[in-house]
């Protein structure tokens, strides 16, 4: 073979490698383990902050697939609403939901209000967020006794135990029997039960259906044994010293009309999931649905012998390729502690799995990550998708706060039997004592 011909073949080979490498690198398949050796495969499939964690060896991603269909993992009433709600609702000038037939706020909504999203619709981003909230309401009322763990570079620091309760006033059939005189969307309380220095701290939120009516929030201060009204901006303050704020729950748990929303596009992404199979739930004597002690336990880096990555990294999640919406959100409140943040929302479940947060000077600050889980009864008659775990990683301080999910130590209760009197001011005060 002549030298010129040999050189030509070599150059062609190099050219083919260079051209084909990006296609081969930026993709993953079930069974892949993504770490520092092949992190390039994740480019464009996860936020840059998550990509950087993998690149630096802080996270290792086990790519898998789910053995259940997320698109169909809704209660029966929500699946039926996927058909009956098509074209039924629209948005008013304040981003609230209106019945297109009457032009007024609907008396009640069952299931997702916007089953079909047109990306070209100027209101698409807001509709996605309404779906995000109403997909959570399909769980019904809930009651959690769980914890938030502080994890620093040196590992475990402290554990805050909390009790969270939410009464859902719209979005599911049992809400229809409540009357809802004050046109509420939901009531929510969270109370700290330990350790001693923050024990008794509690917050209650009243959320109204009207887009123009802001949340009312109240805080219980143990030192003076009194309930005090809080500013809506307080929802962006650190919760009892953690890296998480009240608005960070579920990606964004605030009022939709309090933000400006923009749909940036659609794409495929790698999202974290609690497990490849759904979590078993059982019914108790009250008819509530609960997780059991045999639920899988998530193992974090600081708990795993020989782990070389970040101590807060979950080491046994299942990472799955999913369609997502990319969303930009900016608070209308100039005193809000966050600047622009970006959410990655599953295009079928409408759950937010990532939120990349910038400060008010628009410099990168934190990343929120949520692994969802499927929940199913043994007779397969009750199923839904809800939170598995949540975490907030602050890359500036090299610190994270982990919100525990179901497992041997944490039992979650859905379709809970709650007393609405507990969400009055008098009830809240009595509950805190």
Protein backbone atom coordinates (compact mmCIF):
# COMPACT_ATOMS: atom_id res chain seq x y z
CA UNK A 1 0.00 0.00 0.00
CA UNK A 2 1.40 3.42 -0.98
CA UNK A 3 2.17 5.92 1.79
CA UNK A 4 -0.29 8.44 0.32
CA UNK A 5 -3.09 5.88 0.22
CA UNK A 6 -2.31 4.74 3.78
CA UNK A 7 -2.40 8.36 4.98
CA UNK A 8 -5.71 8.92 3.21
CA UNK A 9 -7.30 5.89 4.89
CA UNK A 10 -6.03 7.06 8.31
CA UNK A 11 -7.43 10.57 7.79
CA UNK A 12 -10.80 9.16 6.70
CA UNK A 13 -10.90 6.95 9.79
CA UNK A 14 -10.13 9.92 12.06
CA UNK A 15 -12.81 12.00 10.34
CA UNK A 16 -15.43 9.24 10.83
CA UNK A 17 -14.52 8.89 14.52
CA UNK A 18 -14.80 12.62 15.08
CA UNK A 19 -18.12 12.85 13.28
CA UNK A 20 -19.72 9.82 14.87
CA UNK A 21 -18.36 10.21 18.41
CA UNK A 22 -20.81 12.92 19.56
CA UNK A 23 -23.76 10.79 18.44
CA UNK A 24 -22.43 7.75 20.31
CA UNK A 25 -21.37 9.68 23.39
CA UNK A 26 -24.49 11.72 24.07
CA UNK A 27 -26.82 8.82 24.67
CA UNK A 28 -27.35 6.10 27.22
CA UNK A 29 -29.04 2.70 27.38
CA UNK A 30 -30.43 0.54 30.20
CA UNK A 31 -27.56 -1.25 31.89
CA UNK A 32 -25.09 1.62 31.42
CA UNK A 33 -23.22 2.89 34.46
CA UNK A 34 -22.28 6.53 33.97
CA UNK A 35 -19.31 7.86 35.95
CA UNK A 36 -16.12 9.85 35.44
CA UNK A 37 -14.99 7.52 32.65
CA UNK A 38 -17.96 8.16 30.34
CA UNK A 39 -19.73 11.23 31.68
CA UNK A 40 -19.89 12.70 28.17
CA UNK A 41 -22.78 10.35 27.40
CA UNK A 42 -25.00 12.52 29.62
CA UNK A 43 -24.35 15.82 27.85
CA UNK A 44 -27.67 17.49 27.15
CA UNK A 45 -29.61 14.78 29.00
CA UNK A 46 -29.26 16.25 32.51
CA UNK A 47 -28.73 19.79 33.82
CA UNK A 48 -25.14 21.04 33.65
CA UNK A 49 -24.86 20.93 37.44
CA UNK A 50 -25.78 17.23 37.53
CA UNK A 51 -23.42 16.54 34.64
CA UNK A 52 -20.67 18.24 36.63
CA UNK A 53 -21.38 16.04 39.68
CA UNK A 54 -20.88 12.95 37.53
CA UNK A 55 -17.81 14.39 35.84
CA UNK A 56 -16.19 15.10 39.23
CA UNK A 57 -17.05 11.66 40.58
CA UNK A 58 -19.64 12.87 43.07
CA UNK A 59 -22.51 10.91 41.48
CA UNK A 60 -22.68 7.59 39.64
CA UNK A 61 -25.80 6.94 37.55
CA UNK A 62 -27.17 3.43 37.00
CA UNK A 63 -29.28 3.66 33.84
CA UNK A 64 -32.35 1.44 33.85
CA UNK A 65 -35.96 1.28 32.78
CA UNK A 66 -39.31 1.09 34.55
CA UNK A 67 -41.46 -2.03 34.56
CA UNK A 68 -44.64 0.05 34.67
CA UNK A 69 -46.15 2.70 32.39
CA UNK A 70 -45.86 6.17 33.93
CA UNK A 71 -48.28 7.67 31.41
CA UNK A 72 -51.03 5.41 32.75
CA UNK A 73 -50.07 5.62 36.42
CA UNK A 74 -52.99 7.73 37.56
CA UNK A 75 -56.12 6.87 39.56
CA UNK A 76 -59.13 5.87 37.43
CA UNK A 77 -60.85 9.23 37.90
CA UNK A 78 -57.76 11.05 36.61
CA UNK A 79 -57.44 8.75 33.60
CA UNK A 80 -61.09 9.41 32.67
CA UNK A 81 -60.47 13.15 33.02
CA UNK A 82 -57.70 12.87 30.42
CA UNK A 83 -60.55 12.56 27.90
CA UNK A 84 -63.36 14.62 29.42
CA UNK A 85 -61.17 17.65 30.25
CA UNK A 86 -59.76 18.09 26.73
CA UNK A 87 -60.67 21.60 25.54
CA UNK A 88 -62.78 22.24 28.64
CA UNK A 89 -60.61 24.80 30.44
CA UNK A 90 -58.57 27.87 29.59
CA UNK A 91 -56.67 30.65 31.35
CA UNK A 92 -57.78 34.12 32.39
CA UNK A 93 -55.60 37.22 32.21
CA UNK A 94 -54.20 36.44 35.69
CA UNK A 95 -53.20 32.85 34.76
CA UNK A 96 -56.12 31.36 36.71
CA UNK A 97 -58.20 28.49 35.32
CA UNK A 98 -61.56 29.27 33.69
CA UNK A 99 -64.33 27.09 32.31
CA UNK A 100 -64.44 27.95 28.59
CA UNK A 101 -68.18 27.36 28.43
CA UNK A 102 -69.05 29.87 31.17
CA UNK A 103 -65.97 32.09 31.13
CA UNK A 104 -65.81 31.79 34.93
CA UNK A 105 -63.73 29.94 37.48
CA UNK A 106 -64.94 26.32 37.55
CA UNK A 107 -66.75 25.17 40.66
CA UNK A 108 -64.44 22.16 40.82
CA UNK A 109 -61.92 20.29 38.69
CA UNK A 110 -61.29 16.55 38.71
CA UNK A 111 -57.98 15.28 37.31
CA UNK A 112 -55.61 17.29 35.14
CA UNK A 113 -57.22 20.47 33.76
CA UNK A 114 -55.09 20.48 30.58
CA UNK A 115 -54.58 16.91 29.28
CA UNK A 116 -53.25 18.16 25.95
CA UNK A 117 -50.48 20.75 25.79
CA UNK A 118 -49.73 22.68 22.60
CA UNK A 119 -46.12 23.93 22.91
CA UNK A 120 -46.98 26.84 20.60
CA UNK A 121 -49.72 28.03 22.95
CA UNK A 122 -48.56 31.25 24.74
CA UNK A 123 -50.12 29.85 27.92
CA UNK A 124 -48.47 26.42 27.63
CA UNK A 125 -46.02 26.96 30.50
CA UNK A 126 -48.76 28.01 32.93
CA UNK A 127 -50.96 25.09 31.87
CA UNK A 128 -48.08 22.69 32.49
CA UNK A 129 -47.72 24.10 36.00
CA UNK A 130 -51.45 23.73 36.71
CA UNK A 131 -51.10 20.10 35.61
CA UNK A 132 -48.08 19.80 37.89
CA UNK A 133 -50.15 20.87 40.90
CA UNK A 134 -53.26 18.88 40.02
CA UNK A 135 -51.27 15.71 39.38
CA UNK A 136 -50.25 15.93 43.04
CA UNK A 137 -53.88 16.39 44.11
CA UNK A 138 -54.72 13.00 42.64
CA UNK A 139 -53.01 11.51 45.72
CA UNK A 140 -55.78 13.02 47.83
CA UNK A 141 -55.11 14.20 51.38
CA UNK A 142 -51.83 13.00 52.83
CA UNK A 143 -49.94 12.72 56.09
CA UNK A 144 -46.17 12.20 56.35
CA UNK A 145 -43.90 11.71 59.34
CA UNK A 146 -40.43 11.99 57.88
CA UNK A 147 -37.11 13.81 58.16
CA UNK A 148 -34.70 16.27 56.58
CA UNK A 149 -31.04 15.31 56.82
CA UNK A 150 -28.16 17.79 56.80
CA UNK A 151 -25.19 16.34 54.88
CA UNK A 152 -21.88 18.19 54.51
CA UNK A 153 -18.56 17.27 52.92
CA UNK A 154 -17.70 15.38 56.11
CA UNK A 155 -20.92 13.38 55.97
CA UNK A 156 -23.98 13.30 58.22
CA UNK A 157 -24.52 16.39 60.42
CA UNK A 158 -28.03 16.38 61.85
CA UNK A 159 -31.57 15.09 61.36
CA UNK A 160 -34.72 17.20 61.63
CA UNK A 161 -37.91 15.19 62.14
CA UNK A 162 -41.08 16.73 60.72
CA UNK A 163 -44.77 15.96 60.32
CA UNK A 164 -46.45 17.22 57.15
CA UNK A 165 -50.18 17.20 56.46
CA UNK A 166 -52.12 18.40 53.42
CA UNK A 167 -55.86 18.64 52.81
CA UNK A 168 -56.65 18.88 49.10
CA UNK A 169 -59.77 20.88 48.26
CA UNK A 170 -59.86 20.30 44.50
CA UNK A 171 -58.69 17.77 41.91
CA UNK A 172 -60.06 14.52 43.38
CA UNK A 173 -63.58 13.16 43.96
CA UNK A 174 -63.69 13.35 47.76
CA UNK A 175 -63.11 17.09 47.58
CA UNK A 176 -66.58 17.46 46.03
CA UNK A 177 -68.20 16.51 49.35
CA UNK A 178 -66.51 19.30 51.28
CA UNK A 179 -68.52 22.26 50.04
CA UNK A 180 -65.44 24.53 49.88
CA UNK A 181 -67.24 27.72 50.90
CA UNK A 182 -64.04 29.77 50.89
CA UNK A 183 -62.91 28.46 47.48
CA UNK A 184 -59.70 26.91 48.73
CA UNK A 185 -57.21 24.93 46.66
CA UNK A 186 -55.51 23.27 49.63
CA UNK A 187 -54.44 23.54 53.26
CA UNK A 188 -50.98 22.52 54.37
CA UNK A 189 -49.12 22.26 57.68
CA UNK A 190 -45.61 21.20 58.63
CA UNK A 191 -44.37 20.85 62.20
CA UNK A 192 -40.91 20.08 63.57
CA UNK A 193 -40.91 17.39 66.27
CA UNK A 194 -37.15 17.20 66.98
CA UNK A 195 -34.40 18.08 67.82
CA UNK A 196 -34.97 20.26 70.85
CA UNK A 197 -33.58 23.54 69.49
CA UNK A 198 -36.21 23.72 66.72
CA UNK A 199 -38.92 21.49 68.18
CA UNK A 200 -42.42 22.95 67.87
CA UNK A 201 -41.67 25.26 64.93
CA UNK A 202 -44.62 25.02 62.55
CA UNK A 203 -46.03 26.61 59.38
CA UNK A 204 -49.53 26.53 57.94
CA UNK A 205 -50.54 27.65 54.44
CA UNK A 206 -53.97 28.43 53.04
CA UNK A 207 -54.02 28.43 49.23
CA UNK A 208 -56.98 29.92 47.38
CA UNK A 209 -58.20 28.87 43.95
CA UNK A 210 -58.44 32.47 42.76
CA UNK A 211 -55.22 33.47 40.98
CA UNK A 212 -55.51 37.00 42.32
CA UNK A 213 -55.74 35.94 45.96
CA UNK A 214 -52.28 35.24 47.41
CA UNK A 215 -51.46 32.49 49.86
CA UNK A 216 -51.94 33.11 53.54
CA UNK A 217 -49.20 31.63 55.67
CA UNK A 218 -48.88 31.42 59.44
CA UNK A 219 -45.96 30.45 61.63
CA UNK A 220 -46.06 29.08 65.16
CA UNK A 221 -43.21 30.38 67.34
CA UNK A 222 -42.56 28.04 70.28
CA UNK A 223 -40.73 30.68 72.35
CA UNK A 224 -43.84 32.85 72.65
CA UNK A 225 -46.42 30.10 72.01
CA UNK A 226 -48.17 32.28 69.45
CA UNK A 227 -49.22 32.06 65.79
CA UNK A 228 -47.97 34.91 63.61
CA UNK A 229 -48.86 35.77 59.99
CA UNK A 230 -45.99 35.36 57.52
CA UNK A 231 -45.14 37.22 54.31
CA UNK A 232 -45.41 35.18 51.09
CA UNK A 233 -41.72 36.00 50.51
CA UNK A 234 -40.89 33.89 53.59
CA UNK A 235 -41.60 30.81 51.48
CA UNK A 236 -38.19 31.36 49.86
CA UNK A 237 -36.40 31.46 53.23
CA UNK A 238 -34.41 28.49 54.46
CA UNK A 239 -36.60 26.03 56.39
CA UNK A 240 -35.16 25.76 59.94
CA UNK A 241 -31.61 26.22 58.65
CA UNK A 242 -31.67 23.62 55.88
CA UNK A 243 -30.86 24.14 52.20
CA UNK A 244 -34.57 23.68 51.38
CA UNK A 245 -37.34 26.29 51.35
CA UNK A 246 -41.10 25.81 51.59
CA UNK A 247 -41.48 26.59 47.89
CA UNK A 248 -38.99 23.86 46.91
CA UNK A 249 -41.31 20.97 47.80
CA UNK A 250 -42.23 18.96 44.69
CA UNK A 251 -40.01 21.28 42.65
CA UNK A 252 -42.31 24.24 43.17
CA UNK A 253 -45.07 24.28 45.76
CA UNK A 254 -45.94 27.97 45.61
CA UNK A 255 -48.71 29.95 44.00
CA UNK A 256 -48.54 29.69 40.20
CA UNK A 257 -49.65 33.28 39.65
CA UNK A 258 -46.73 34.50 41.82
CA UNK A 259 -44.30 33.69 38.99
CA UNK A 260 -43.69 34.43 35.35
CA UNK A 261 -43.41 31.22 33.33
CA UNK A 262 -41.82 30.39 29.99
CA UNK A 263 -41.69 27.08 28.11
CA UNK A 264 -38.19 26.81 26.65
CA UNK A 265 -38.66 23.56 24.78
CA UNK A 266 -39.06 19.79 24.88
CA UNK A 267 -36.44 17.07 24.84
CA UNK A 268 -35.41 13.69 26.21
CA UNK A 269 -33.67 13.59 29.56
CA UNK A 270 -32.35 11.18 32.14
CA UNK A 271 -34.49 11.47 35.27
CA UNK A 272 -34.05 9.84 38.69
CA UNK A 273 -36.62 7.32 39.90
CA UNK A 274 -36.97 5.63 43.25
CA UNK A 275 -36.98 2.13 41.79
CA UNK A 276 -37.67 0.25 38.57
CA UNK A 277 -40.82 -1.21 40.13
CA UNK A 278 -43.66 0.53 42.01
CA UNK A 279 -43.94 0.68 45.81
CA UNK A 280 -46.58 -1.50 47.46
CA UNK A 281 -49.27 0.30 49.45
CA UNK A 282 -51.78 -1.27 51.84
CA UNK A 283 -55.06 -0.03 53.27
CA UNK A 284 -55.36 0.53 57.03
CA UNK A 285 -58.46 0.32 59.23
CA UNK A 286 -59.44 3.91 58.28
CA UNK A 287 -59.34 3.16 54.56
CA UNK A 288 -56.15 5.18 54.08
CA UNK A 289 -53.38 3.96 51.80
CA UNK A 290 -49.96 3.56 53.41
CA UNK A 291 -46.47 2.46 52.45
CA UNK A 292 -44.98 -0.43 54.42
CA UNK A 293 -41.71 -1.09 56.25
CA UNK A 294 -40.60 -3.37 53.44
CA UNK A 295 -40.29 -0.42 51.04
CA UNK A 296 -36.83 -0.07 49.53
CA UNK A 297 -34.39 2.05 51.52
CA UNK A 298 -32.34 4.62 49.62
CA UNK A 299 -28.63 4.37 50.49
CA UNK A 300 -26.68 7.63 50.42
CA UNK A 301 -22.95 7.99 49.91
CA UNK A 302 -22.14 8.56 53.57
CA UNK A 303 -23.87 5.24 54.39
CA UNK A 304 -22.05 3.13 51.78
CA UNK A 305 -18.71 1.61 52.66
CA UNK A 306 -15.98 2.46 50.20
CA UNK A 307 -18.00 5.16 48.42
CA UNK A 308 -15.74 7.82 46.89
CA UNK A 309 -18.39 10.27 45.69
CA UNK A 310 -20.44 12.95 47.43
CA UNK A 311 -21.74 11.85 50.85
CA UNK A 312 -25.23 13.08 49.89
CA UNK A 313 -25.38 11.19 46.58
CA UNK A 314 -28.14 8.54 46.41
CA UNK A 315 -26.39 5.37 45.30
CA UNK A 316 -29.27 3.04 44.41
CA UNK A 317 -31.74 5.08 42.36
CA UNK A 318 -32.84 4.04 38.87
CA UNK A 319 -32.10 6.66 36.19
CA UNK A 320 -34.49 6.53 33.25
CA UNK A 321 -34.79 8.27 29.88
CA UNK A 322 -37.99 10.33 29.81
CA UNK A 323 -39.58 13.16 27.73
CA UNK A 324 -39.44 16.50 29.53
CA UNK A 325 -40.51 20.11 29.29
CA UNK A 326 -37.84 22.72 30.02
CA UNK A 327 -39.32 25.62 31.97
CA UNK A 328 -38.04 29.03 33.04
CA UNK A 329 -39.54 30.66 36.13
CA UNK A 330 -39.06 34.09 37.69
CA UNK A 331 -40.72 35.41 40.82
CA UNK A 332 -42.79 38.59 40.56
CA UNK A 333 -41.77 39.45 44.15
CA UNK A 334 -38.61 41.57 44.20
CA UNK A 335 -37.85 40.31 47.71
CA UNK A 336 -37.90 36.63 46.72
CA UNK A 337 -34.57 35.01 47.60
CA UNK A 338 -34.09 33.17 44.30
CA UNK A 339 -33.42 34.67 40.90
CA UNK A 340 -34.28 32.80 37.70
CA UNK A 341 -34.64 29.06 38.04
CA UNK A 342 -35.16 26.33 35.48
CA UNK A 343 -37.28 23.21 35.90
CA UNK A 344 -37.21 19.93 34.03
CA UNK A 345 -40.74 18.51 34.13
CA UNK A 346 -41.74 15.02 33.00
CA UNK A 347 -44.01 15.49 29.98
CA UNK A 348 -46.34 12.63 30.97
CA UNK A 349 -46.56 12.82 34.77
CA UNK A 350 -45.98 16.61 35.02
CA UNK A 351 -43.71 16.00 38.02
CA UNK A 352 -40.69 18.28 38.37
CA UNK A 353 -37.51 16.23 38.70
CA UNK A 354 -34.86 18.97 38.48
CA UNK A 355 -34.78 22.63 39.41
CA UNK A 356 -31.62 24.64 38.73
CA UNK A 357 -31.57 27.78 40.86
CA UNK A 358 -29.75 31.07 40.33
CA UNK A 359 -29.41 33.85 42.87
CA UNK A 360 -30.79 37.35 42.37
CA UNK A 361 -27.61 38.38 40.54
CA UNK A 362 -28.28 35.43 38.16
CA UNK A 363 -25.29 33.36 39.24
CA UNK A 364 -25.75 29.60 39.63
CA UNK A 365 -26.48 28.60 43.24
CA UNK A 366 -28.29 25.29 43.89
CA UNK A 367 -29.87 22.27 42.22
CA UNK A 368 -33.01 20.51 43.42
CA UNK A 369 -33.42 16.85 42.51
CA UNK A 370 -36.49 14.66 43.00
CA UNK A 371 -36.84 10.94 42.37
CA UNK A 372 -40.45 9.93 41.80
CA UNK A 373 -42.02 6.59 42.62
CA UNK A 374 -45.01 4.61 41.46
CA UNK A 375 -47.39 3.43 44.19
CA UNK A 376 -49.77 0.50 43.73
CA UNK A 377 -52.15 -1.59 45.83
CA UNK A 378 -51.89 -5.38 45.82
CA UNK A 379 -55.13 -5.68 43.83
CA UNK A 380 -53.76 -3.10 41.35
CA UNK A 381 -56.98 -1.05 41.68
CA UNK A 382 -55.22 1.96 43.25
CA UNK A 383 -52.14 3.47 41.61
CA UNK A 384 -50.48 6.85 41.28
CA UNK A 385 -47.08 8.52 40.96
CA UNK A 386 -45.74 10.58 43.86
CA UNK A 387 -42.53 11.64 45.59
CA UNK A 388 -39.83 9.10 46.30
CA UNK A 389 -37.07 11.32 47.67
CA UNK A 390 -36.13 15.00 47.36
CA UNK A 391 -32.81 16.73 47.85
CA UNK A 392 -31.26 20.17 47.47
CA UNK A 393 -27.55 20.45 46.72
CA UNK A 394 -25.80 23.78 47.30
CA UNK A 395 -22.67 23.72 45.17
CA UNK A 396 -21.36 26.93 46.76
CA UNK A 397 -21.17 25.47 50.26
CA UNK A 398 -20.64 21.83 49.25
CA UNK A 399 -23.66 20.90 51.31
CA UNK A 400 -27.02 19.18 50.82
CA UNK A 401 -30.34 18.63 52.56
CA UNK A 402 -32.14 15.34 51.95
CA UNK A 403 -35.89 14.85 52.39
CA UNK A 404 -36.43 11.20 53.27
CA UNK A 405 -38.92 9.14 51.35
CA UNK A 406 -40.69 5.85 52.06
CA UNK A 407 -38.70 3.08 53.68
CA UNK A 408 -38.39 0.97 56.82
CA UNK A 409 -38.33 4.10 59.02
CA UNK A 410 -40.79 6.31 57.11
CA UNK A 411 -44.45 5.48 56.47
CA UNK A 412 -46.36 7.74 54.06
CA UNK A 413 -50.16 7.95 54.18
CA UNK A 414 -52.24 8.88 51.11
CA UNK A 415 -56.00 9.39 50.81
CA UNK A 416 -55.75 10.25 54.51
CA UNK A 417 -58.72 10.92 56.77
CA UNK A 418 -58.23 14.51 57.97
CA UNK A 419 -60.27 16.98 60.01
CA UNK A 420 -60.48 20.37 58.28
CA UNK A 421 -60.91 22.04 61.68
CA UNK A 422 -57.21 21.35 62.25
CA UNK A 423 -56.44 23.89 59.53
CA UNK A 424 -58.25 26.80 61.21
CA UNK A 425 -56.15 29.24 63.25
CA UNK A 426 -57.52 27.80 66.48
CA UNK A 427 -56.95 24.26 65.28
CA UNK A 428 -53.41 25.07 64.18
CA UNK A 429 -52.58 26.63 67.54
CA UNK A 430 -53.94 23.58 69.38
CA UNK A 431 -52.10 21.24 67.00
CA UNK A 432 -48.78 23.00 67.65
CA UNK A 433 -49.11 22.71 71.42
